[in-house]
Amino acid sequence: MKITREEVRHVARLARLDLDDDTLDTMAGQLAGILEYMDTLNRVDTEGVAPTAHAVSLTTPLRDDQRRPHLDREAALANAPERDEESFLVPRVIG
Protein backbone atom coordinates (compact mmCIF):
# COMPACT_ATOMS: atom_id res chain seq x y z
CA MET A 1 0.00 0.00 0.00
CA LYS A 2 1.37 3.37 -1.00
CA ILE A 3 0.98 6.24 1.43
CA THR A 4 1.23 9.72 -0.01
CA ARG A 5 3.15 12.70 1.21
CA GLU A 6 -0.17 14.51 1.67
CA GLU A 7 -1.46 11.76 3.95
CA VAL A 8 1.71 12.01 6.03
CA ARG A 9 1.38 15.80 6.11
CA HIS A 10 -2.25 15.45 7.29
CA VAL A 11 -1.32 13.03 10.10
CA ALA A 12 1.61 15.26 11.09
CA ARG A 13 -0.72 18.24 11.25
CA LEU A 14 -3.14 16.29 13.48
CA ALA A 15 -0.21 15.40 15.75
CA ARG A 16 0.91 19.04 15.66
CA LEU A 17 4.24 18.12 14.09
CA ASP A 18 6.03 20.46 11.72
CA LEU A 19 7.88 18.19 9.27
CA ASP A 20 10.10 19.43 6.46
CA ASP A 21 9.81 17.98 2.94
CA ASP A 22 12.69 15.50 3.36
CA THR A 23 11.17 14.15 6.57
CA LEU A 24 7.75 13.85 4.91
CA ASP A 25 9.29 11.73 2.15
CA THR A 26 11.18 9.58 4.67
CA MET A 27 8.09 9.06 6.82
CA ALA A 28 5.96 8.20 3.76
CA GLY A 29 8.45 5.49 2.80
CA GLN A 30 8.68 4.10 6.32
CA LEU A 31 4.92 4.07 6.82
CA ALA A 32 4.44 2.37 3.45
CA GLY A 33 6.90 -0.33 4.55
CA ILE A 34 5.00 -0.85 7.80
CA LEU A 35 1.69 -1.13 5.94
CA GLU A 36 3.20 -3.64 3.47
CA TYR A 37 4.42 -5.76 6.38
CA MET A 38 0.96 -5.64 7.97
CA ASP A 39 -0.46 -6.79 4.65
CA THR A 40 1.94 -9.75 4.75
CA LEU A 41 0.79 -10.62 8.26
CA ASN A 42 -2.85 -10.42 7.17
CA ARG A 43 -2.16 -13.20 4.62
CA VAL A 44 -0.90 -15.63 7.29
CA ASP A 45 -3.34 -18.48 7.98
CA THR A 46 -4.34 -18.19 11.64
CA GLU A 47 -7.30 -20.56 11.49
CA GLY A 48 -7.48 -22.49 14.78
CA VAL A 49 -4.86 -20.34 16.51
CA ALA A 50 -6.04 -18.82 19.78
CA PRO A 51 -5.47 -15.08 20.18
CA THR A 52 -2.52 -14.27 22.43
CA ALA A 53 -0.87 -11.20 23.86
CA HIS A 54 2.56 -12.87 24.08
CA ALA A 55 4.31 -15.65 22.21
CA VAL A 56 5.14 -17.40 25.49
CA SER A 57 3.06 -17.78 28.61
CA LEU A 58 3.96 -15.13 31.17
CA THR A 59 3.16 -15.10 34.86
CA THR A 60 4.11 -12.67 37.56
CA PRO A 61 5.57 -14.51 40.52
CA LEU A 62 4.09 -12.98 43.65
CA ARG A 63 4.36 -14.04 47.22
CA ASP A 64 1.69 -13.76 49.86
CA ASP A 65 1.83 -10.59 51.91
CA GLN A 66 3.43 -11.14 55.29
CA ARG A 67 3.20 -8.90 58.30
CA ARG A 68 6.62 -7.65 59.40
CA PRO A 69 7.84 -4.94 61.73
CA HIS A 70 8.12 -1.56 60.03
CA LEU A 71 11.48 0.01 59.27
CA ASP A 72 12.75 2.20 62.04
CA ARG A 73 12.66 5.92 61.05
CA GLU A 74 16.38 6.47 61.69
CA ALA A 75 17.28 3.49 59.50
CA ALA A 76 14.95 4.71 56.74
CA LEU A 77 16.50 8.19 56.76
CA ALA A 78 20.10 7.01 57.24
CA ASN A 79 21.15 7.41 53.58
CA ALA A 80 18.94 10.37 52.69
CA PRO A 81 20.92 13.13 50.94
CA GLU A 82 18.84 15.73 52.80
CA ARG A 83 16.54 15.26 55.75
CA ASP A 84 15.17 16.84 58.86
CA GLU A 85 14.29 15.03 62.09
CA GLU A 86 11.42 13.06 60.59
CA SER A 87 11.31 13.38 56.79
CA PHE A 88 13.20 13.23 53.53
CA LEU A 89 13.80 16.73 52.12
CA VAL A 90 13.36 17.01 48.36
CA PRO A 91 13.56 19.93 45.92
CA ARG A 92 10.30 21.82 45.45
CA VAL A 93 8.64 20.90 42.15
CA ILE A 94 5.65 23.25 42.15
CA GLY A 95 6.40 26.94 42.49
PDB file of N, CA and C in Angstrom:
ATOM      1  N   MET A   1       0.852  -1.179   0.000  1.00  0.00           N
ATOM      2  CA  MET A   1       0.000   0.000   0.000  1.00  0.00           C
ATOM      3  C   MET A   1       0.896   1.240   0.000  1.00  0.00           C
ATOM      4  N   LYS A   2       0.607   2.119  -0.877  1.00  0.00           N
ATOM      5  CA  LYS A   2       1.371   3.367  -0.999  1.00  0.00           C
ATOM      6  C   LYS A   2       0.714   4.439  -0.138  1.00  0.00           C
ATOM      7  N   ILE A   3       1.496   5.130   0.627  1.00  0.00           N
ATOM      8  CA  ILE A   3       0.979   6.243   1.427  1.00  0.00           C
ATOM      9  C   ILE A   3       1.581   7.519   0.846  1.00  0.00           C
ATOM     10  N   THR A   4       0.759   8.504   0.661  1.00  0.00           N
ATOM     11  CA  THR A   4       1.229   9.719  -0.005  1.00  0.00           C
ATOM     12  C   THR A   4       1.812  10.712   0.977  1.00  0.00           C
ATOM     13  N   ARG A   5       2.562  11.619   0.427  1.00  0.00           N
ATOM     14  CA  ARG A   5       3.153  12.699   1.212  1.00  0.00           C
ATOM     15  C   ARG A   5       2.052  13.544   1.856  1.00  0.00           C
ATOM     16  N   GLU A   6       0.947  13.722   1.135  1.00  0.00           N
ATOM     17  CA  GLU A   6      -0.173  14.513   1.671  1.00  0.00           C
ATOM     18  C   GLU A   6      -0.821  13.820   2.865  1.00  0.00           C
ATOM     19  N   GLU A   7      -0.913  12.499   2.815  1.00  0.00           N
ATOM     20  CA  GLU A   7      -1.462  11.761   3.953  1.00  0.00           C
ATOM     21  C   GLU A   7      -0.558  11.896   5.169  1.00  0.00           C
ATOM     22  N   VAL A   8       0.749  11.821   4.936  1.00  0.00           N
ATOM     23  CA  VAL A   8       1.706  12.006   6.034  1.00  0.00           C
ATOM     24  C   VAL A   8       1.599  13.433   6.575  1.00  0.00           C
ATOM     25  N   ARG A   9       1.505  14.401   5.687  1.00  0.00           N
ATOM     26  CA  ARG A   9       1.377  15.798   6.114  1.00  0.00           C
ATOM     27  C   ARG A   9       0.118  15.979   6.971  1.00  0.00           C
ATOM     28  N   HIS A  10      -0.991  15.342   6.547  1.00  0.00           N
ATOM     29  CA  HIS A  10      -2.245  15.445   7.290  1.00  0.00           C
ATOM     30  C   HIS A  10      -2.101  14.850   8.696  1.00  0.00           C
ATOM     31  N   VAL A  11      -1.518  13.655   8.790  1.00  0.00           N
ATOM     32  CA  VAL A  11      -1.319  13.025  10.100  1.00  0.00           C
ATOM     33  C   VAL A  11      -0.371  13.865  10.955  1.00  0.00           C
ATOM     34  N   ALA A  12       0.674  14.404  10.354  1.00  0.00           N
ATOM     35  CA  ALA A  12       1.612  15.261  11.090  1.00  0.00           C
ATOM     36  C   ALA A  12       0.898  16.495  11.616  1.00  0.00           C
ATOM     37  N   ARG A  13       0.025  17.061  10.816  1.00  0.00           N
ATOM     38  CA  ARG A  13      -0.724  18.245  11.249  1.00  0.00           C
ATOM     39  C   ARG A  13      -1.632  17.892  12.435  1.00  0.00           C
ATOM     40  N   LEU A  14      -2.289  16.733  12.374  1.00  0.00           N
ATOM     41  CA  LEU A  14      -3.138  16.286  13.480  1.00  0.00           C
ATOM     42  C   LEU A  14      -2.327  16.090  14.757  1.00  0.00           C
ATOM     43  N   ALA A  15      -1.088  15.618  14.596  1.00  0.00           N
ATOM     44  CA  ALA A  15      -0.210  15.398  15.747  1.00  0.00           C
ATOM     45  C   ALA A  15       0.551  16.667  16.136  1.00  0.00           C
ATOM     46  N   ARG A  16       0.253  17.754  15.427  1.00  0.00           N
ATOM     47  CA  ARG A  16       0.909  19.045  15.659  1.00  0.00           C
ATOM     48  C   ARG A  16       2.432  18.952  15.495  1.00  0.00           C
ATOM     49  N   LEU A  17       2.827  18.244  14.432  1.00  0.00           N
ATOM     50  CA  LEU A  17       4.240  18.115  14.086  1.00  0.00           C
ATOM     51  C   LEU A  17       4.518  18.952  12.853  1.00  0.00           C
ATOM     52  N   ASP A  18       5.614  19.659  12.867  1.00  0.00           N
ATOM     53  CA  ASP A  18       6.030  20.457  11.722  1.00  0.00           C
ATOM     54  C   ASP A  18       7.179  19.716  11.041  1.00  0.00           C
ATOM     55  N   LEU A  19       6.875  18.999   9.953  1.00  0.00           N
ATOM     56  CA  LEU A  19       7.882  18.188   9.273  1.00  0.00           C
ATOM     57  C   LEU A  19       8.302  18.857   7.968  1.00  0.00           C
ATOM     58  N   ASP A  20       9.617  18.868   7.729  1.00  0.00           N
ATOM     59  CA  ASP A  20      10.099  19.427   6.463  1.00  0.00           C
ATOM     60  C   ASP A  20       9.876  18.407   5.348  1.00  0.00           C
ATOM     61  N   ASP A  21      10.109  18.823   4.099  1.00  0.00           N
ATOM     62  CA  ASP A  21       9.812  17.977   2.939  1.00  0.00           C
ATOM     63  C   ASP A  21      10.603  16.669   2.950  1.00  0.00           C
ATOM     64  N   ASP A  22      11.883  16.727   3.316  1.00  0.00           N
ATOM     65  CA  ASP A  22      12.694  15.502   3.357  1.00  0.00           C
ATOM     66  C   ASP A  22      12.129  14.516   4.372  1.00  0.00           C
ATOM     67  N   THR A  23      11.728  15.020   5.529  1.00  0.00           N
ATOM     68  CA  THR A  23      11.172  14.154   6.569  1.00  0.00           C
ATOM     69  C   THR A  23       9.835  13.572   6.134  1.00  0.00           C
ATOM     70  N   LEU A  24       9.015  14.368   5.428  1.00  0.00           N
ATOM     71  CA  LEU A  24       7.746  13.855   4.910  1.00  0.00           C
ATOM     72  C   LEU A  24       7.983  12.683   3.969  1.00  0.00           C
ATOM     73  N   ASP A  25       8.976  12.813   3.091  1.00  0.00           N
ATOM     74  CA  ASP A  25       9.291  11.730   2.153  1.00  0.00           C
ATOM     75  C   ASP A  25       9.787  10.491   2.897  1.00  0.00           C
ATOM     76  N   THR A  26      10.653  10.695   3.882  1.00  0.00           N
ATOM     77  CA  THR A  26      11.183   9.579   4.669  1.00  0.00           C
ATOM     78  C   THR A  26      10.055   8.864   5.405  1.00  0.00           C
ATOM     79  N   MET A  27       9.201   9.643   6.066  1.00  0.00           N
ATOM     80  CA  MET A  27       8.094   9.058   6.816  1.00  0.00           C
ATOM     81  C   MET A  27       7.119   8.327   5.893  1.00  0.00           C
ATOM     82  N   ALA A  28       6.855   8.868   4.713  1.00  0.00           N
ATOM     83  CA  ALA A  28       5.958   8.202   3.761  1.00  0.00           C
ATOM     84  C   ALA A  28       6.519   6.833   3.392  1.00  0.00           C
ATOM     85  N   GLY A  29       7.817   6.771   3.137  1.00  0.00           N
ATOM     86  CA  GLY A  29       8.449   5.494   2.799  1.00  0.00           C
ATOM     87  C   GLY A  29       8.400   4.506   3.949  1.00  0.00           C
ATOM     88  N   GLN A  30       8.697   4.983   5.161  1.00  0.00           N
ATOM     89  CA  GLN A  30       8.684   4.098   6.321  1.00  0.00           C
ATOM     90  C   GLN A  30       7.276   3.596   6.632  1.00  0.00           C
ATOM     91  N   LEU A  31       6.302   4.479   6.568  1.00  0.00           N
ATOM     92  CA  LEU A  31       4.919   4.069   6.823  1.00  0.00           C
ATOM     93  C   LEU A  31       4.421   3.096   5.765  1.00  0.00           C
ATOM     94  N   ALA A  32       4.816   3.302   4.517  1.00  0.00           N
ATOM     95  CA  ALA A  32       4.442   2.368   3.453  1.00  0.00           C
ATOM     96  C   ALA A  32       5.026   0.985   3.736  1.00  0.00           C
ATOM     97  N   GLY A  33       6.269   0.949   4.201  1.00  0.00           N
ATOM     98  CA  GLY A  33       6.903  -0.325   4.554  1.00  0.00           C
ATOM     99  C   GLY A  33       6.173  -1.034   5.687  1.00  0.00           C
ATOM    100  N   ILE A  34       5.752  -0.272   6.678  1.00  0.00           N
ATOM    101  CA  ILE A  34       5.001  -0.849   7.802  1.00  0.00           C
ATOM    102  C   ILE A  34       3.674  -1.421   7.310  1.00  0.00           C
ATOM    103  N   LEU A  35       2.972  -0.666   6.455  1.00  0.00           N
ATOM    104  CA  LEU A  35       1.691  -1.133   5.943  1.00  0.00           C
ATOM    105  C   LEU A  35       1.852  -2.374   5.063  1.00  0.00           C
ATOM    106  N   GLU A  36       2.936  -2.448   4.282  1.00  0.00           N
ATOM    107  CA  GLU A  36       3.205  -3.639   3.472  1.00  0.00           C
ATOM    108  C   GLU A  36       3.429  -4.850   4.365  1.00  0.00           C
ATOM    109  N   TYR A  37       4.167  -4.654   5.453  1.00  0.00           N
ATOM    110  CA  TYR A  37       4.423  -5.755   6.384  1.00  0.00           C
ATOM    111  C   TYR A  37       3.113  -6.213   7.026  1.00  0.00           C
ATOM    112  N   MET A  38       2.258  -5.281   7.389  1.00  0.00           N
ATOM    113  CA  MET A  38       0.964  -5.637   7.967  1.00  0.00           C
ATOM    114  C   MET A  38       0.133  -6.421   6.961  1.00  0.00           C
ATOM    115  N   ASP A  39       0.234  -6.058   5.700  1.00  0.00           N
ATOM    116  CA  ASP A  39      -0.461  -6.790   4.646  1.00  0.00           C
ATOM    117  C   ASP A  39       0.040  -8.230   4.581  1.00  0.00           C
ATOM    118  N   THR A  40       1.344  -8.415   4.725  1.00  0.00           N
ATOM    119  CA  THR A  40       1.936  -9.752   4.747  1.00  0.00           C
ATOM    120  C   THR A  40       1.380 -10.549   5.922  1.00  0.00           C
ATOM    121  N   LEU A  41       1.316  -9.931   7.087  1.00  0.00           N
ATOM    122  CA  LEU A  41       0.788 -10.617   8.265  1.00  0.00           C
ATOM    123  C   LEU A  41      -0.685 -10.981   8.091  1.00  0.00           C
ATOM    124  N   ASN A  42      -1.434 -10.132   7.402  1.00  0.00           N
ATOM    125  CA  ASN A  42      -2.850 -10.422   7.171  1.00  0.00           C
ATOM    126  C   ASN A  42      -3.059 -11.653   6.300  1.00  0.00           C
ATOM    127  N   ARG A  43      -2.051 -12.025   5.500  1.00  0.00           N
ATOM    128  CA  ARG A  43      -2.164 -13.195   4.623  1.00  0.00           C
ATOM    129  C   ARG A  43      -1.811 -14.495   5.341  1.00  0.00           C
ATOM    130  N   VAL A  44      -1.286 -14.436   6.553  1.00  0.00           N
ATOM    131  CA  VAL A  44      -0.905 -15.635   7.290  1.00  0.00           C
ATOM    132  C   VAL A  44      -2.164 -16.359   7.766  1.00  0.00           C
ATOM    133  N   ASP A  45      -2.187 -17.682   7.557  1.00  0.00           N
ATOM    134  CA  ASP A  45      -3.340 -18.483   7.980  1.00  0.00           C
ATOM    135  C   ASP A  45      -3.299 -18.655   9.499  1.00  0.00           C
ATOM    136  N   THR A  46      -4.271 -18.087  10.180  1.00  0.00           N
ATOM    137  CA  THR A  46      -4.339 -18.186  11.642  1.00  0.00           C
ATOM    138  C   THR A  46      -5.559 -18.998  12.084  1.00  0.00           C
ATOM    139  N   GLU A  47      -6.133 -19.740  11.170  1.00  0.00           N
ATOM    140  CA  GLU A  47      -7.297 -20.564  11.494  1.00  0.00           C
ATOM    141  C   GLU A  47      -6.931 -21.555  12.595  1.00  0.00           C
ATOM    142  N   GLY A  48      -7.708 -21.557  13.672  1.00  0.00           N
ATOM    143  CA  GLY A  48      -7.475 -22.492  14.777  1.00  0.00           C
ATOM    144  C   GLY A  48      -6.422 -22.033  15.766  1.00  0.00           C
ATOM    145  N   VAL A  49      -5.867 -20.862  15.582  1.00  0.00           N
ATOM    146  CA  VAL A  49      -4.859 -20.343  16.505  1.00  0.00           C
ATOM    147  C   VAL A  49      -5.548 -19.388  17.476  1.00  0.00           C
ATOM    148  N   ALA A  50      -5.405 -19.670  18.761  1.00  0.00           N
ATOM    149  CA  ALA A  50      -6.043 -18.823  19.775  1.00  0.00           C
ATOM    150  C   ALA A  50      -5.336 -17.468  19.851  1.00  0.00           C
ATOM    151  N   PRO A  51      -6.100 -16.395  20.035  1.00  0.00           N
ATOM    152  CA  PRO A  51      -5.474 -15.077  20.185  1.00  0.00           C
ATOM    153  C   PRO A  51      -4.571 -15.045  21.424  1.00  0.00           C
ATOM    154  N   THR A  52      -3.447 -14.385  21.299  1.00  0.00           N
ATOM    155  CA  THR A  52      -2.521 -14.271  22.430  1.00  0.00           C
ATOM    156  C   THR A  52      -1.976 -12.855  22.504  1.00  0.00           C
ATOM    157  N   ALA A  53      -1.524 -12.486  23.679  1.00  0.00           N
ATOM    158  CA  ALA A  53      -0.869 -11.196  23.861  1.00  0.00           C
ATOM    159  C   ALA A  53       0.638 -11.363  23.802  1.00  0.00           C
ATOM    160  N   HIS A  54       1.131 -12.584  24.087  1.00  0.00           N
ATOM    161  CA  HIS A  54       2.562 -12.869  24.078  1.00  0.00           C
ATOM    162  C   HIS A  54       2.799 -14.219  23.408  1.00  0.00           C
ATOM    163  N   ALA A  55       3.971 -14.385  22.870  1.00  0.00           N
ATOM    164  CA  ALA A  55       4.310 -15.648  22.215  1.00  0.00           C
ATOM    165  C   ALA A  55       4.528 -16.761  23.225  1.00  0.00           C
ATOM    166  N   VAL A  56       4.936 -16.402  24.430  1.00  0.00           N
ATOM    167  CA  VAL A  56       5.136 -17.398  25.487  1.00  0.00           C
ATOM    168  C   VAL A  56       4.257 -17.023  26.675  1.00  0.00           C
ATOM    169  N   SER A  57       3.899 -18.022  27.443  1.00  0.00           N
ATOM    170  CA  SER A  57       3.060 -17.776  28.609  1.00  0.00           C
ATOM    171  C   SER A  57       3.859 -17.014  29.673  1.00  0.00           C
ATOM    172  N   LEU A  58       3.291 -15.926  30.154  1.00  0.00           N
ATOM    173  CA  LEU A  58       3.962 -15.128  31.175  1.00  0.00           C
ATOM    174  C   LEU A  58       3.142 -15.129  32.446  1.00  0.00           C
ATOM    175  N   THR A  59       3.822 -15.247  33.567  1.00  0.00           N
ATOM    176  CA  THR A  59       3.156 -15.103  34.857  1.00  0.00           C
ATOM    177  C   THR A  59       4.018 -14.204  35.721  1.00  0.00           C
ATOM    178  N   THR A  60       3.380 -13.524  36.635  1.00  0.00           N
ATOM    179  CA  THR A  60       4.110 -12.673  37.559  1.00  0.00           C
ATOM    180  C   THR A  60       4.214 -13.406  38.885  1.00  0.00           C
ATOM    181  N   PRO A  61       5.436 -13.783  39.258  1.00  0.00           N
ATOM    182  CA  PRO A  61       5.568 -14.513  40.520  1.00  0.00           C
ATOM    183  C   PRO A  61       5.379 -13.555  41.700  1.00  0.00           C
ATOM    184  N   LEU A  62       4.357 -13.799  42.482  1.00  0.00           N
ATOM    185  CA  LEU A  62       4.089 -12.976  43.646  1.00  0.00           C
ATOM    186  C   LEU A  62       4.064 -13.859  44.875  1.00  0.00           C
ATOM    187  N   ARG A  63       4.444 -13.310  45.963  1.00  0.00           N
ATOM    188  CA  ARG A  63       4.359 -14.043  47.218  1.00  0.00           C
ATOM    189  C   ARG A  63       3.204 -13.478  48.029  1.00  0.00           C
ATOM    190  N   ASP A  64       2.728 -14.255  48.970  1.00  0.00           N
ATOM    191  CA  ASP A  64       1.685 -13.764  49.856  1.00  0.00           C
ATOM    192  C   ASP A  64       2.243 -12.647  50.725  1.00  0.00           C
ATOM    193  N   ASP A  65       1.426 -11.661  51.005  1.00  0.00           N
ATOM    194  CA  ASP A  65       1.834 -10.594  51.913  1.00  0.00           C
ATOM    195  C   ASP A  65       2.076 -11.180  53.294  1.00  0.00           C
ATOM    196  N   GLN A  66       3.123 -10.692  53.937  1.00  0.00           N
ATOM    197  CA  GLN A  66       3.433 -11.136  55.287  1.00  0.00           C
ATOM    198  C   GLN A  66       3.623  -9.922  56.167  1.00  0.00           C
ATOM    199  N   ARG A  67       3.047  -9.976  57.334  1.00  0.00           N
ATOM    200  CA  ARG A  67       3.202  -8.897  58.296  1.00  0.00           C
ATOM    201  C   ARG A  67       4.618  -8.927  58.859  1.00  0.00           C
ATOM    202  N   ARG A  68       5.260  -7.772  58.854  1.00  0.00           N
ATOM    203  CA  ARG A  68       6.618  -7.651  59.404  1.00  0.00           C
ATOM    204  C   ARG A  68       6.707  -6.345  60.162  1.00  0.00           C
ATOM    205  N   PRO A  69       7.681  -6.223  61.046  1.00  0.00           N
ATOM    206  CA  PRO A  69       7.839  -4.940  61.734  1.00  0.00           C
ATOM    207  C   PRO A  69       8.258  -3.867  60.730  1.00  0.00           C
ATOM    208  N   HIS A  70       7.771  -2.649  60.942  1.00  0.00           N
ATOM    209  CA  HIS A  70       8.122  -1.564  60.031  1.00  0.00           C
ATOM    210  C   HIS A  70       9.583  -1.159  60.224  1.00  0.00           C
ATOM    211  N   LEU A  71      10.099  -0.469  59.223  1.00  0.00           N
ATOM    212  CA  LEU A  71      11.479   0.007  59.267  1.00  0.00           C
ATOM    213  C   LEU A  71      11.570   1.181  60.225  1.00  0.00           C
ATOM    214  N   ASP A  72      12.515   1.126  61.084  1.00  0.00           N
ATOM    215  CA  ASP A  72      12.752   2.203  62.044  1.00  0.00           C
ATOM    216  C   ASP A  72      13.062   3.507  61.291  1.00  0.00           C
ATOM    217  N   ARG A  73      12.521   4.634  61.734  1.00  0.00           N
ATOM    218  CA  ARG A  73      12.664   5.918  61.049  1.00  0.00           C
ATOM    219  C   ARG A  73      14.132   6.288  60.828  1.00  0.00           C
ATOM    220  N   GLU A  74      14.960   6.110  61.818  1.00  0.00           N
ATOM    221  CA  GLU A  74      16.376   6.472  61.691  1.00  0.00           C
ATOM    222  C   GLU A  74      17.056   5.635  60.614  1.00  0.00           C
ATOM    223  N   ALA A  75      16.711   4.360  60.543  1.00  0.00           N
ATOM    224  CA  ALA A  75      17.281   3.490  59.502  1.00  0.00           C
ATOM    225  C   ALA A  75      16.785   3.917  58.121  1.00  0.00           C
ATOM    226  N   ALA A  76      15.511   4.296  58.021  1.00  0.00           N
ATOM    227  CA  ALA A  76      14.946   4.713  56.742  1.00  0.00           C
ATOM    228  C   ALA A  76      15.600   5.993  56.241  1.00  0.00           C
ATOM    229  N   LEU A  77      15.924   6.895  57.144  1.00  0.00           N
ATOM    230  CA  LEU A  77      16.499   8.192  56.763  1.00  0.00           C
ATOM    231  C   LEU A  77      18.030   8.180  56.731  1.00  0.00           C
ATOM    232  N   ALA A  78      18.640   7.071  57.081  1.00  0.00           N
ATOM    233  CA  ALA A  78      20.100   7.008  57.243  1.00  0.00           C
ATOM    234  C   ALA A  78      20.865   7.448  55.996  1.00  0.00           C
ATOM    235  N   ASN A  79      20.419   7.099  54.811  1.00  0.00           N
ATOM    236  CA  ASN A  79      21.152   7.413  53.584  1.00  0.00           C
ATOM    237  C   ASN A  79      20.530   8.548  52.789  1.00  0.00           C
ATOM    238  N   ALA A  80      19.593   9.266  53.386  1.00  0.00           N
ATOM    239  CA  ALA A  80      18.941  10.366  52.688  1.00  0.00           C
ATOM    240  C   ALA A  80      19.942  11.488  52.444  1.00  0.00           C
ATOM    241  N   PRO A  81      19.996  12.026  51.213  1.00  0.00           N
ATOM    242  CA  PRO A  81      20.916  13.127  50.942  1.00  0.00           C
ATOM    243  C   PRO A  81      20.574  14.372  51.775  1.00  0.00           C
ATOM    244  N   GLU A  82      19.275  14.621  51.954  1.00  0.00           N
ATOM    245  CA  GLU A  82      18.842  15.731  52.797  1.00  0.00           C
ATOM    246  C   GLU A  82      17.650  15.271  53.607  1.00  0.00           C
ATOM    247  N   ARG A  83      17.607  15.680  54.861  1.00  0.00           N
ATOM    248  CA  ARG A  83      16.536  15.263  55.745  1.00  0.00           C
ATOM    249  C   ARG A  83      16.412  16.227  56.902  1.00  0.00           C
ATOM    250  N   ASP A  84      15.288  16.144  57.589  1.00  0.00           N
ATOM    251  CA  ASP A  84      15.173  16.835  58.861  1.00  0.00           C
ATOM    252  C   ASP A  84      14.992  15.737  59.913  1.00  0.00           C
ATOM    253  N   GLU A  85      14.400  16.034  61.022  1.00  0.00           N
ATOM    254  CA  GLU A  85      14.286  15.035  62.086  1.00  0.00           C
ATOM    255  C   GLU A  85      13.357  13.874  61.746  1.00  0.00           C
ATOM    256  N   GLU A  86      12.392  14.113  60.841  1.00  0.00           N
ATOM    257  CA  GLU A  86      11.417  13.055  60.588  1.00  0.00           C
ATOM    258  C   GLU A  86      11.116  12.769  59.125  1.00  0.00           C
ATOM    259  N   SER A  87      11.704  13.518  58.198  1.00  0.00           N
ATOM    260  CA  SER A  87      11.309  13.377  56.793  1.00  0.00           C
ATOM    261  C   SER A  87      12.498  13.510  55.847  1.00  0.00           C
ATOM    262  N   PHE A  88      12.295  12.958  54.625  1.00  0.00           N
ATOM    263  CA  PHE A  88      13.202  13.235  53.526  1.00  0.00           C
ATOM    264  C   PHE A  88      12.942  14.670  53.075  1.00  0.00           C
ATOM    265  N   LEU A  89      13.970  15.405  52.699  1.00  0.00           N
ATOM    266  CA  LEU A  89      13.799  16.731  52.121  1.00  0.00           C
ATOM    267  C   LEU A  89      14.121  16.626  50.646  1.00  0.00           C
ATOM    268  N   VAL A  90      13.196  17.081  49.813  1.00  0.00           N
ATOM    269  CA  VAL A  90      13.365  17.007  48.365  1.00  0.00           C
ATOM    270  C   VAL A  90      13.189  18.387  47.765  1.00  0.00           C
ATOM    271  N   PRO A  91      13.734  18.626  46.564  1.00  0.00           N
ATOM    272  CA  PRO A  91      13.557  19.931  45.924  1.00  0.00           C
ATOM    273  C   PRO A  91      12.078  20.191  45.635  1.00  0.00           C
ATOM    274  N   ARG A  92      11.678  21.433  45.739  1.00  0.00           N
ATOM    275  CA  ARG A  92      10.305  21.821  45.447  1.00  0.00           C
ATOM    276  C   ARG A  92      10.060  21.688  43.947  1.00  0.00           C
ATOM    277  N   VAL A  93       8.948  21.095  43.566  1.00  0.00           N
ATOM    278  CA  VAL A  93       8.644  20.901  42.150  1.00  0.00           C
ATOM    279  C   VAL A  93       7.534  21.829  41.667  1.00  0.00           C
ATOM    280  N   ILE A  94       6.716  22.325  42.527  1.00  0.00           N
ATOM    281  CA  ILE A  94       5.647  23.249  42.149  1.00  0.00           C
ATOM    282  C   ILE A  94       5.939  24.582  42.812  1.00  0.00           C
ATOM    283  N   GLY A  95       6.003  25.643  41.980  1.00  0.00           N
ATOM    284  CA  GLY A  95       6.399  26.943  42.492  1.00  0.00           C
ATOM    285  C   GLY A  95       5.332  27.763  43.063  1.00  0.00           C
TER     286      GLY A  95
END
